[in-house]
Amino acid sequence: MVLQGKRGGIMTEPGSVSLLQLSCCEASRLASEALDRELTRRERWALRIHTCMCSACRRFSSQVSLLRKTLTKAPESWREHWQARSVKLSTQRRETIKRLLSDASRNDAQS
């Protein structure tokens, strides 16, 4: 399946990125995902190249990183408080959202 990024960056599959044509939307997604998982070598390089050229995404990446560092240093009572208040989706709701996103992606690919 071939997906088209907002600025023409062609991705061959979900999770695959174009090294030189990464859009700001894709860069911000990767910057966020980098906090929760290890990016592939290609994703790291694409993000690095993009942030060298784009000051807005460079700033976003540093802000997201700073936010994560700040939250990990917060007292345990704060983290427990915010985790308890966070919205938790049921398994059924998650599956519905996944299905809707998959259908939308399929419809976009057909257009």
PDB file of N, CA and C in Angstrom:
ATOM      1  N   MET A   1       0.847  -1.174   0.000  1.00  0.00           N
ATOM      2  CA  MET A   1       0.000   0.000   0.000  1.00  0.00           C
ATOM      3  C   MET A   1       0.892   1.237   0.000  1.00  0.00           C
ATOM      4  N   VAL A   2       0.538   2.210  -0.802  1.00  0.00           N
ATOM      5  CA  VAL A   2       1.301   3.453  -0.871  1.00  0.00           C
ATOM      6  C   VAL A   2       0.473   4.570  -0.273  1.00  0.00           C
ATOM      7  N   LEU A   3       1.042   5.301   0.672  1.00  0.00           N
ATOM      8  CA  LEU A   3       0.376   6.433   1.306  1.00  0.00           C
ATOM      9  C   LEU A   3       1.068   7.710   0.886  1.00  0.00           C
ATOM     10  N   GLN A   4       0.335   8.771   0.815  1.00  0.00           N
ATOM     11  CA  GLN A   4       0.883  10.060   0.427  1.00  0.00           C
ATOM     12  C   GLN A   4       0.898  10.980   1.634  1.00  0.00           C
ATOM     13  N   GLY A   5       2.056  11.539   1.985  1.00  0.00           N
ATOM     14  CA  GLY A   5       2.155  12.504   3.071  1.00  0.00           C
ATOM     15  C   GLY A   5       1.582  13.840   2.634  1.00  0.00           C
ATOM     16  N   LYS A   6       1.408  14.766   3.579  1.00  0.00           N
ATOM     17  CA  LYS A   6       0.796  16.063   3.264  1.00  0.00           C
ATOM     18  C   LYS A   6       1.615  16.873   2.263  1.00  0.00           C
ATOM     19  N   ARG A   7       2.939  16.779   2.338  1.00  0.00           N
ATOM     20  CA  ARG A   7       3.760  17.554   1.419  1.00  0.00           C
ATOM     21  C   ARG A   7       4.368  16.667   0.341  1.00  0.00           C
ATOM     22  N   GLY A   8       3.712  15.543   0.071  1.00  0.00           N
ATOM     23  CA  GLY A   8       4.176  14.703  -1.017  1.00  0.00           C
ATOM     24  C   GLY A   8       5.146  13.626  -0.597  1.00  0.00           C
ATOM     25  N   GLY A   9       5.469  13.491   0.683  1.00  0.00           N
ATOM     26  CA  GLY A   9       6.370  12.438   1.125  1.00  0.00           C
ATOM     27  C   GLY A   9       5.698  11.092   0.946  1.00  0.00           C
ATOM     28  N   ILE A  10       6.279  10.236   0.139  1.00  0.00           N
ATOM     29  CA  ILE A  10       5.662   8.959  -0.151  1.00  0.00           C
ATOM     30  C   ILE A  10       6.153   7.939   0.857  1.00  0.00           C
ATOM     31  N   MET A  11       5.203   7.248   1.486  1.00  0.00           N
ATOM     32  CA  MET A  11       5.520   6.199   2.439  1.00  0.00           C
ATOM     33  C   MET A  11       5.039   4.896   1.828  1.00  0.00           C
ATOM     34  N   THR A  12       5.874   3.880   1.788  1.00  0.00           N
ATOM     35  CA  THR A  12       5.494   2.637   1.144  1.00  0.00           C
ATOM     36  C   THR A  12       4.578   1.795   2.001  1.00  0.00           C
ATOM     37  N   GLU A  13       4.585   1.972   3.298  1.00  0.00           N
ATOM     38  CA  GLU A  13       3.715   1.235   4.204  1.00  0.00           C
ATOM     39  C   GLU A  13       3.608   2.023   5.488  1.00  0.00           C
ATOM     40  N   PRO A  14       2.583   1.770   6.291  1.00  0.00           N
ATOM     41  CA  PRO A  14       2.503   2.473   7.569  1.00  0.00           C
ATOM     42  C   PRO A  14       3.750   2.188   8.394  1.00  0.00           C
ATOM     43  N   GLY A  15       4.376   3.210   8.899  1.00  0.00           N
ATOM     44  CA  GLY A  15       5.600   3.034   9.674  1.00  0.00           C
ATOM     45  C   GLY A  15       6.854   3.250   8.847  1.00  0.00           C
ATOM     46  N   SER A  16       6.723   3.282   7.520  1.00  0.00           N
ATOM     47  CA  SER A  16       7.860   3.550   6.657  1.00  0.00           C
ATOM     48  C   SER A  16       7.839   5.035   6.318  1.00  0.00           C
ATOM     49  N   VAL A  17       9.000   5.659   6.292  1.00  0.00           N
ATOM     50  CA  VAL A  17       9.048   7.094   6.032  1.00  0.00           C
ATOM     51  C   VAL A  17      10.030   7.402   4.925  1.00  0.00           C
ATOM     52  N   SER A  18       9.766   8.488   4.224  1.00  0.00           N
ATOM     53  CA  SER A  18      10.672   8.986   3.203  1.00  0.00           C
ATOM     54  C   SER A  18      11.751   9.798   3.903  1.00  0.00           C
ATOM     55  N   LEU A  19      12.995   9.532   3.583  1.00  0.00           N
ATOM     56  CA  LEU A  19      14.092  10.224   4.258  1.00  0.00           C
ATOM     57  C   LEU A  19      14.094  11.721   4.004  1.00  0.00           C
ATOM     58  N   LEU A  20      13.836  12.133   2.770  1.00  0.00           N
ATOM     59  CA  LEU A  20      13.993  13.543   2.432  1.00  0.00           C
ATOM     60  C   LEU A  20      12.691  14.304   2.285  1.00  0.00           C
ATOM     61  N   GLN A  21      11.562  13.639   2.327  1.00  0.00           N
ATOM     62  CA  GLN A  21      10.298  14.330   2.120  1.00  0.00           C
ATOM     63  C   GLN A  21       9.339  14.136   3.283  1.00  0.00           C
ATOM     64  N   LEU A  22       9.856  14.149   4.484  1.00  0.00           N
ATOM     65  CA  LEU A  22       9.026  13.982   5.665  1.00  0.00           C
ATOM     66  C   LEU A  22       8.240  15.270   5.899  1.00  0.00           C
ATOM     67  N   SER A  23       6.925  15.156   6.058  1.00  0.00           N
ATOM     68  CA  SER A  23       6.105  16.344   6.318  1.00  0.00           C
ATOM     69  C   SER A  23       6.208  16.705   7.797  1.00  0.00           C
ATOM     70  N   CYS A  24       5.780  17.900   8.132  1.00  0.00           N
ATOM     71  CA  CYS A  24       5.783  18.330   9.538  1.00  0.00           C
ATOM     72  C   CYS A  24       4.857  17.450  10.370  1.00  0.00           C
ATOM     73  N   CYS A  25       3.733  17.055   9.778  1.00  0.00           N
ATOM     74  CA  CYS A  25       2.784  16.177  10.475  1.00  0.00           C
ATOM     75  C   CYS A  25       3.453  14.835  10.803  1.00  0.00           C
ATOM     76  N   GLU A  26       4.148  14.265   9.838  1.00  0.00           N
ATOM     77  CA  GLU A  26       4.839  12.996  10.058  1.00  0.00           C
ATOM     78  C   GLU A  26       5.981  13.161  11.052  1.00  0.00           C
ATOM     79  N   ALA A  27       6.684  14.288  10.984  1.00  0.00           N
ATOM     80  CA  ALA A  27       7.798  14.539  11.908  1.00  0.00           C
ATOM     81  C   ALA A  27       7.295  14.667  13.338  1.00  0.00           C
ATOM     82  N   SER A  28       6.194  15.355  13.532  1.00  0.00           N
ATOM     83  CA  SER A  28       5.664  15.498  14.896  1.00  0.00           C
ATOM     84  C   SER A  28       5.170  14.152  15.422  1.00  0.00           C
ATOM     85  N   ARG A  29       4.603  13.334  14.548  1.00  0.00           N
ATOM     86  CA  ARG A  29       4.172  11.999  14.957  1.00  0.00           C
ATOM     87  C   ARG A  29       5.371  11.166  15.391  1.00  0.00           C
ATOM     88  N   LEU A  30       6.447  11.224  14.617  1.00  0.00           N
ATOM     89  CA  LEU A  30       7.650  10.464  14.966  1.00  0.00           C
ATOM     90  C   LEU A  30       8.279  10.975  16.263  1.00  0.00           C
ATOM     91  N   ALA A  31       8.303  12.293  16.445  1.00  0.00           N
ATOM     92  CA  ALA A  31       8.860  12.862  17.677  1.00  0.00           C
ATOM     93  C   ALA A  31       8.083  12.368  18.890  1.00  0.00           C
ATOM     94  N   SER A  32       6.782  12.280  18.759  1.00  0.00           N
ATOM     95  CA  SER A  32       5.952  11.774  19.854  1.00  0.00           C
ATOM     96  C   SER A  32       6.160  10.284  20.062  1.00  0.00           C
ATOM     97  N   GLU A  33       6.194   9.533  18.973  1.00  0.00           N
ATOM     98  CA  GLU A  33       6.377   8.087  19.076  1.00  0.00           C
ATOM     99  C   GLU A  33       7.743   7.722  19.646  1.00  0.00           C
ATOM    100  N   ALA A  34       8.725   8.559  19.411  1.00  0.00           N
ATOM    101  CA  ALA A  34      10.079   8.280  19.905  1.00  0.00           C
ATOM    102  C   ALA A  34      10.120   8.210  21.427  1.00  0.00           C
ATOM    103  N   LEU A  35       9.134   8.800  22.077  1.00  0.00           N
ATOM    104  CA  LEU A  35       9.087   8.751  23.534  1.00  0.00           C
ATOM    105  C   LEU A  35       8.594   7.397  24.032  1.00  0.00           C
ATOM    106  N   ASP A  36       7.836   6.696  23.207  1.00  0.00           N
ATOM    107  CA  ASP A  36       7.217   5.450  23.639  1.00  0.00           C
ATOM    108  C   ASP A  36       7.829   4.197  23.028  1.00  0.00           C
ATOM    109  N   ARG A  37       8.563   4.369  21.958  1.00  0.00           N
ATOM    110  CA  ARG A  37       9.182   3.211  21.317  1.00  0.00           C
ATOM    111  C   ARG A  37      10.473   3.653  20.640  1.00  0.00           C
ATOM    112  N   GLU A  38      11.311   2.682  20.337  1.00  0.00           N
ATOM    113  CA  GLU A  38      12.543   3.006  19.625  1.00  0.00           C
ATOM    114  C   GLU A  38      12.226   3.113  18.140  1.00  0.00           C
ATOM    115  N   LEU A  39      12.583   4.249  17.557  1.00  0.00           N
ATOM    116  CA  LEU A  39      12.343   4.437  16.132  1.00  0.00           C
ATOM    117  C   LEU A  39      13.303   3.572  15.327  1.00  0.00           C
ATOM    118  N   THR A  40      12.875   3.212  14.129  1.00  0.00           N
ATOM    119  CA  THR A  40      13.777   2.486  13.238  1.00  0.00           C
ATOM    120  C   THR A  40      14.898   3.438  12.812  1.00  0.00           C
ATOM    121  N   ARG A  41      15.959   2.896  12.287  1.00  0.00           N
ATOM    122  CA  ARG A  41      17.079   3.732  11.828  1.00  0.00           C
ATOM    123  C   ARG A  41      16.593   4.733  10.779  1.00  0.00           C
ATOM    124  N   ARG A  42      15.767   4.275   9.854  1.00  0.00           N
ATOM    125  CA  ARG A  42      15.243   5.152   8.799  1.00  0.00           C
ATOM    126  C   ARG A  42      14.398   6.279   9.399  1.00  0.00           C
ATOM    127  N   GLU A  43      13.552   5.953  10.370  1.00  0.00           N
ATOM    128  CA  GLU A  43      12.719   6.971  11.014  1.00  0.00           C
ATOM    129  C   GLU A  43      13.582   7.984  11.759  1.00  0.00           C
ATOM    130  N   ARG A  44      14.604   7.507  12.472  1.00  0.00           N
ATOM    131  CA  ARG A  44      15.494   8.434  13.196  1.00  0.00           C
ATOM    132  C   ARG A  44      16.188   9.390  12.242  1.00  0.00           C
ATOM    133  N   TRP A  45      16.690   8.866  11.125  1.00  0.00           N
ATOM    134  CA  TRP A  45      17.385   9.721  10.165  1.00  0.00           C
ATOM    135  C   TRP A  45      16.427  10.705   9.499  1.00  0.00           C
ATOM    136  N   ALA A  46      15.238  10.229   9.145  1.00  0.00           N
ATOM    137  CA  ALA A  46      14.254  11.119   8.516  1.00  0.00           C
ATOM    138  C   ALA A  46      13.893  12.254   9.466  1.00  0.00           C
ATOM    139  N   LEU A  47      13.670  11.931  10.733  1.00  0.00           N
ATOM    140  CA  LEU A  47      13.344  12.961  11.725  1.00  0.00           C
ATOM    141  C   LEU A  47      14.525  13.905  11.927  1.00  0.00           C
ATOM    142  N   ARG A  48      15.705  13.357  12.006  1.00  0.00           N
ATOM    143  CA  ARG A  48      16.908  14.181  12.202  1.00  0.00           C
ATOM    144  C   ARG A  48      17.103  15.147  11.026  1.00  0.00           C
ATOM    145  N   ILE A  49      16.955  14.640   9.803  1.00  0.00           N
ATOM    146  CA  ILE A  49      17.114  15.494   8.613  1.00  0.00           C
ATOM    147  C   ILE A  49      16.045  16.587   8.613  1.00  0.00           C
ATOM    148  N   HIS A  50      14.811  16.194   8.897  1.00  0.00           N
ATOM    149  CA  HIS A  50      13.714  17.168   8.882  1.00  0.00           C
ATOM    150  C   HIS A  50      13.927  18.248   9.945  1.00  0.00           C
ATOM    151  N   THR A  51      14.304  17.849  11.151  1.00  0.00           N
ATOM    152  CA  THR A  51      14.464  18.846  12.216  1.00  0.00           C
ATOM    153  C   THR A  51      15.688  19.736  11.997  1.00  0.00           C
ATOM    154  N   CYS A  52      16.629  19.293  11.195  1.00  0.00           N
ATOM    155  CA  CYS A  52      17.747  20.175  10.839  1.00  0.00           C
ATOM    156  C   CYS A  52      17.263  21.330   9.963  1.00  0.00           C
ATOM    157  N   MET A  53      16.222  21.062   9.173  1.00  0.00           N
ATOM    158  CA  MET A  53      15.723  22.073   8.240  1.00  0.00           C
ATOM    159  C   MET A  53      14.521  22.843   8.764  1.00  0.00           C
ATOM    160  N   CYS A  54      13.803  22.283   9.732  1.00  0.00           N
ATOM    161  CA  CYS A  54      12.533  22.876  10.168  1.00  0.00           C
ATOM    162  C   CYS A  54      12.614  23.290  11.640  1.00  0.00           C
ATOM    163  N   SER A  55      12.643  24.576  11.877  1.00  0.00           N
ATOM    164  CA  SER A  55      12.771  25.068  13.259  1.00  0.00           C
ATOM    165  C   SER A  55      11.530  24.776  14.089  1.00  0.00           C
ATOM    166  N   ALA A  56      10.355  24.776  13.462  1.00  0.00           N
ATOM    167  CA  ALA A  56       9.120  24.496  14.211  1.00  0.00           C
ATOM    168  C   ALA A  56       9.125  23.060  14.733  1.00  0.00           C
ATOM    169  N   CYS A  57       9.515  22.122  13.902  1.00  0.00           N
ATOM    170  CA  CYS A  57       9.559  20.717  14.334  1.00  0.00           C
ATOM    171  C   CYS A  57      10.708  20.472  15.314  1.00  0.00           C
ATOM    172  N   ARG A  58      11.803  21.185  15.133  1.00  0.00           N
ATOM    173  CA  ARG A  58      12.923  21.090  16.082  1.00  0.00           C
ATOM    174  C   ARG A  58      12.454  21.560  17.461  1.00  0.00           C
ATOM    175  N   ARG A  59      11.720  22.664  17.485  1.00  0.00           N
ATOM    176  CA  ARG A  59      11.180  23.209  18.737  1.00  0.00           C
ATOM    177  C   ARG A  59      10.161  22.235  19.347  1.00  0.00           C
ATOM    178  N   PHE A  60       9.279  21.668  18.509  1.00  0.00           N
ATOM    179  CA  PHE A  60       8.293  20.706  18.991  1.00  0.00           C
ATOM    180  C   PHE A  60       8.980  19.488  19.609  1.00  0.00           C
ATOM    181  N   SER A  61       9.991  18.974  18.928  1.00  0.00           N
ATOM    182  CA  SER A  61      10.712  17.802  19.441  1.00  0.00           C
ATOM    183  C   SER A  61      11.345  18.080  20.791  1.00  0.00           C
ATOM    184  N   SER A  62      11.943  19.248  20.929  1.00  0.00           N
ATOM    185  CA  SER A  62      12.582  19.571  22.212  1.00  0.00           C
ATOM    186  C   SER A  62      11.536  19.794  23.298  1.00  0.00           C
ATOM    187  N   GLN A  63      10.383  20.372  22.943  1.00  0.00           N
ATOM    188  CA  GLN A  63       9.320  20.583  23.929  1.00  0.00           C
ATOM    189  C   GLN A  63       8.727  19.258  24.403  1.00  0.00           C
ATOM    190  N   VAL A  64       8.517  18.331  23.490  1.00  0.00           N
ATOM    191  CA  VAL A  64       7.975  17.026  23.845  1.00  0.00           C
ATOM    192  C   VAL A  64       8.963  16.285  24.745  1.00  0.00           C
ATOM    193  N   SER A  65      10.224  16.369  24.400  1.00  0.00           N
ATOM    194  CA  SER A  65      11.258  15.725  25.200  1.00  0.00           C
ATOM    195  C   SER A  65      11.330  16.335  26.603  1.00  0.00           C
ATOM    196  N   LEU A  66      11.271  17.645  26.677  1.00  0.00           N
ATOM    197  CA  LEU A  66      11.299  18.331  27.973  1.00  0.00           C
ATOM    198  C   LEU A  66      10.075  17.969  28.805  1.00  0.00           C
ATOM    199  N   LEU A  67       8.922  17.884  28.165  1.00  0.00           N
ATOM    200  CA  LEU A  67       7.703  17.506  28.875  1.00  0.00           C
ATOM    201  C   LEU A  67       7.836  16.109  29.473  1.00  0.00           C
ATOM    202  N   ARG A  68       8.371  15.178  28.688  1.00  0.00           N
ATOM    203  CA  ARG A  68       8.557  13.813  29.186  1.00  0.00           C
ATOM    204  C   ARG A  68       9.513  13.794  30.374  1.00  0.00           C
ATOM    205  N   LYS A  69      10.638  14.513  30.254  1.00  0.00           N
ATOM    206  CA  LYS A  69      11.614  14.553  31.351  1.00  0.00           C
ATOM    207  C   LYS A  69      11.003  15.161  32.610  1.00  0.00           C
ATOM    208  N   THR A  70      10.215  16.218  32.435  1.00  0.00           N
ATOM    209  CA  THR A  70       9.575  16.881  33.574  1.00  0.00           C
ATOM    210  C   THR A  70       8.584  15.943  34.263  1.00  0.00           C
ATOM    211  N   LEU A  71       7.803  15.246  33.458  1.00  0.00           N
ATOM    212  CA  LEU A  71       6.802  14.343  34.031  1.00  0.00           C
ATOM    213  C   LEU A  71       7.437  13.161  34.751  1.00  0.00           C
ATOM    214  N   THR A  72       8.565  12.685  34.265  1.00  0.00           N
ATOM    215  CA  THR A  72       9.214  11.560  34.955  1.00  0.00           C
ATOM    216  C   THR A  72       9.825  11.996  36.279  1.00  0.00           C
ATOM    217  N   LYS A  73      10.092  13.293  36.430  1.00  0.00           N
ATOM    218  CA  LYS A  73      10.641  13.804  37.688  1.00  0.00           C
ATOM    219  C   LYS A  73       9.556  14.252  38.664  1.00  0.00           C
ATOM    220  N   ALA A  74       8.307  14.231  38.218  1.00  0.00           N
ATOM    221  CA  ALA A  74       7.202  14.651  39.087  1.00  0.00           C
ATOM    222  C   ALA A  74       7.047  13.656  40.231  1.00  0.00           C
ATOM    223  N   PRO A  75       6.571  14.135  41.376  1.00  0.00           N
ATOM    224  CA  PRO A  75       6.353  13.226  42.508  1.00  0.00           C
ATOM    225  C   PRO A  75       5.383  12.109  42.132  1.00  0.00           C
ATOM    226  N   GLU A  76       5.573  10.951  42.725  1.00  0.00           N
ATOM    227  CA  GLU A  76       4.723   9.790  42.441  1.00  0.00           C
ATOM    228  C   GLU A  76       3.246  10.108  42.650  1.00  0.00           C
ATOM    229  N   SER A  77       2.925  10.904  43.667  1.00  0.00           N
ATOM    230  CA  SER A  77       1.520  11.233  43.938  1.00  0.00           C
ATOM    231  C   SER A  77       0.887  11.983  42.764  1.00  0.00           C
ATOM    232  N   TRP A  78       1.649  12.843  42.095  1.00  0.00           N
ATOM    233  CA  TRP A  78       1.130  13.561  40.931  1.00  0.00           C
ATOM    234  C   TRP A  78       0.840  12.593  39.796  1.00  0.00           C
ATOM    235  N   ARG A  79       1.814  11.700  39.541  1.00  0.00           N
ATOM    236  CA  ARG A  79       1.637  10.743  38.442  1.00  0.00           C
ATOM    237  C   ARG A  79       0.420   9.864  38.690  1.00  0.00           C
ATOM    238  N   GLU A  80       0.261   9.395  39.927  1.00  0.00           N
ATOM    239  CA  GLU A  80      -0.903   8.567  40.259  1.00  0.00           C
ATOM    240  C   GLU A  80      -2.195   9.355  40.056  1.00  0.00           C
ATOM    241  N   HIS A  81      -2.191  10.623  40.466  1.00  0.00           N
ATOM    242  CA  HIS A  81      -3.368  11.473  40.311  1.00  0.00           C
ATOM    243  C   HIS A  81      -3.747  11.607  38.836  1.00  0.00           C
ATOM    244  N   TRP A  82      -2.782  11.913  37.978  1.00  0.00           N
ATOM    245  CA  TRP A  82      -3.089  12.122  36.563  1.00  0.00           C
ATOM    246  C   TRP A  82      -3.428  10.834  35.849  1.00  0.00           C
ATOM    247  N   GLN A  83      -2.804   9.725  36.253  1.00  0.00           N
ATOM    248  CA  GLN A  83      -3.161   8.436  35.649  1.00  0.00           C
ATOM    249  C   GLN A  83      -4.591   8.062  36.006  1.00  0.00           C
ATOM    250  N   ALA A  84      -4.993   8.325  37.242  1.00  0.00           N
ATOM    251  CA  ALA A  84      -6.353   8.004  37.669  1.00  0.00           C
ATOM    252  C   ALA A  84      -7.379   8.855  36.922  1.00  0.00           C
ATOM    253  N   ARG A  85      -7.009  10.079  36.578  1.00  0.00           N
ATOM    254  CA  ARG A  85      -7.942  10.988  35.905  1.00  0.00           C
ATOM    255  C   ARG A  85      -7.954  10.817  34.397  1.00  0.00           C
ATOM    256  N   SER A  86      -6.970  10.108  33.850  1.00  0.00           N
ATOM    257  CA  SER A  86      -6.907   9.974  32.399  1.00  0.00           C
ATOM    258  C   SER A  86      -8.053   9.101  31.897  1.00  0.00           C
ATOM    259  N   VAL A  87      -8.475   9.386  30.699  1.00  0.00           N
ATOM    260  CA  VAL A  87      -9.591   8.661  30.093  1.00  0.00           C
ATOM    261  C   VAL A  87      -9.080   7.305  29.619  1.00  0.00           C
ATOM    262  N   LYS A  88      -9.812   6.280  29.970  1.00  0.00           N
ATOM    263  CA  LYS A  88      -9.452   4.936  29.548  1.00  0.00           C
ATOM    264  C   LYS A  88     -10.576   4.395  28.675  1.00  0.00           C
ATOM    265  N   LEU A  89     -10.212   3.956  27.475  1.00  0.00           N
ATOM    266  CA  LEU A  89     -11.197   3.423  26.541  1.00  0.00           C
ATOM    267  C   LEU A  89     -11.399   1.933  26.784  1.00  0.00           C
ATOM    268  N   SER A  90     -12.617   1.488  26.585  1.00  0.00           N
ATOM    269  CA  SER A  90     -12.898   0.056  26.683  1.00  0.00           C
ATOM    270  C   SER A  90     -12.269  -0.636  25.472  1.00  0.00           C
ATOM    271  N   THR A  91     -12.074  -1.930  25.598  1.00  0.00           N
ATOM    272  CA  THR A  91     -11.519  -2.714  24.494  1.00  0.00           C
ATOM    273  C   THR A  91     -12.417  -2.611  23.271  1.00  0.00           C
ATOM    274  N   GLN A  92     -13.716  -2.648  23.489  1.00  0.00           N
ATOM    275  CA  GLN A  92     -14.658  -2.552  22.375  1.00  0.00           C
ATOM    276  C   GLN A  92     -14.520  -1.206  21.657  1.00  0.00           C
ATOM    277  N   ARG A  93     -14.392  -0.128  22.425  1.00  0.00           N
ATOM    278  CA  ARG A  93     -14.252   1.203  21.839  1.00  0.00           C
ATOM    279  C   ARG A  93     -12.941   1.314  21.051  1.00  0.00           C
ATOM    280  N   ARG A  94     -11.863   0.758  21.605  1.00  0.00           N
ATOM    281  CA  ARG A  94     -10.571   0.772  20.898  1.00  0.00           C
ATOM    282  C   ARG A  94     -10.668   0.045  19.569  1.00  0.00           C
ATOM    283  N   GLU A  95     -11.301  -1.126  19.570  1.00  0.00           N
ATOM    284  CA  GLU A  95     -11.448  -1.908  18.336  1.00  0.00           C
ATOM    285  C   GLU A  95     -12.294  -1.153  17.316  1.00  0.00           C
ATOM    286  N   THR A  96     -13.325  -0.462  17.772  1.00  0.00           N
ATOM    287  CA  THR A  96     -14.160   0.334  16.871  1.00  0.00           C
ATOM    288  C   THR A  96     -13.337   1.449  16.230  1.00  0.00           C
ATOM    289  N   ILE A  97     -12.527   2.129  17.025  1.00  0.00           N
ATOM    290  CA  ILE A  97     -11.680   3.214  16.507  1.00  0.00           C
ATOM    291  C   ILE A  97     -10.676   2.662  15.506  1.00  0.00           C
ATOM    292  N   LYS A  98     -10.048   1.528  15.821  1.00  0.00           N
ATOM    293  CA  LYS A  98      -9.088   0.911  14.901  1.00  0.00           C
ATOM    294  C   LYS A  98      -9.754   0.573  13.569  1.00  0.00           C
ATOM    295  N   ARG A  99     -10.956  -0.005  13.660  1.00  0.00           N
ATOM    296  CA  ARG A  99     -11.677  -0.380  12.441  1.00  0.00           C
ATOM    297  C   ARG A  99     -12.011   0.857  11.611  1.00  0.00           C
ATOM    298  N   LEU A 100     -12.487   1.915  12.260  1.00  0.00           N
ATOM    299  CA  LEU A 100     -12.834   3.143  11.540  1.00  0.00           C
ATOM    300  C   LEU A 100     -11.606   3.773  10.881  1.00  0.00           C
ATOM    301  N   LEU A 101     -10.477   3.781  11.588  1.00  0.00           N
ATOM    302  CA  LEU A 101      -9.244   4.327  11.013  1.00  0.00           C
ATOM    303  C   LEU A 101      -8.767   3.490   9.832  1.00  0.00           C
ATOM    304  N   SER A 102      -8.871   2.181   9.969  1.00  0.00           N
ATOM    305  CA  SER A 102      -8.483   1.281   8.881  1.00  0.00           C
ATOM    306  C   SER A 102      -9.370   1.495   7.657  1.00  0.00           C
ATOM    307  N   ASP A 103     -10.679   1.610   7.885  1.00  0.00           N
ATOM    308  CA  ASP A 103     -11.615   1.862   6.780  1.00  0.00           C
ATOM    309  C   ASP A 103     -11.312   3.192   6.097  1.00  0.00           C
ATOM    310  N   ALA A 104     -11.039   4.223   6.894  1.00  0.00           N
ATOM    311  CA  ALA A 104     -10.729   5.541   6.332  1.00  0.00           C
ATOM    312  C   ALA A 104      -9.445   5.494   5.522  1.00  0.00           C
ATOM    313  N   SER A 105      -8.450   4.775   6.027  1.00  0.00           N
ATOM    314  CA  SER A 105      -7.184   4.649   5.306  1.00  0.00           C
ATOM    315  C   SER A 105      -7.395   3.917   3.983  1.00  0.00           C
ATOM    316  N   ARG A 106      -8.182   2.877   4.020  1.00  0.00           N
ATOM    317  CA  ARG A 106      -8.476   2.107   2.809  1.00  0.00           C
ATOM    318  C   ARG A 106      -9.216   2.983   1.793  1.00  0.00           C
ATOM    319  N   ASN A 107     -10.167   3.773   2.260  1.00  0.00           N
ATOM    320  CA  ASN A 107     -10.928   4.666   1.370  1.00  0.00           C
ATOM    321  C   ASN A 107     -10.029   5.731   0.765  1.00  0.00           C
ATOM    322  N   ASP A 108      -9.073   6.270   1.563  1.00  0.00           N
ATOM    323  CA  ASP A 108      -8.139   7.270   1.052  1.00  0.00           C
ATOM    324  C   ASP A 108      -7.240   6.655  -0.029  1.00  0.00           C
ATOM    325  N   ALA A 109      -6.824   5.422   0.184  1.00  0.00           N
ATOM    326  CA  ALA A 109      -5.932   4.751  -0.775  1.00  0.00           C
ATOM    327  C   ALA A 109      -6.655   4.500  -2.104  1.00  0.00           C
ATOM    328  N   GLN A 110      -7.959   4.270  -2.035  1.00  0.00           N
ATOM    329  CA  GLN A 110      -8.733   4.021  -3.242  1.00  0.00           C
ATOM    330  C   GLN A 110      -9.048   5.298  -4.013  1.00  0.00           C
ATOM    331  N   SER A 111      -9.007   6.433  -3.339  1.00  0.00           N
ATOM    332  CA  SER A 111      -9.366   7.716  -3.976  1.00  0.00           C
ATOM    333  C   SER A 111      -8.301   8.189  -4.914  1.00  0.00           C
TER     334      SER A 111
END
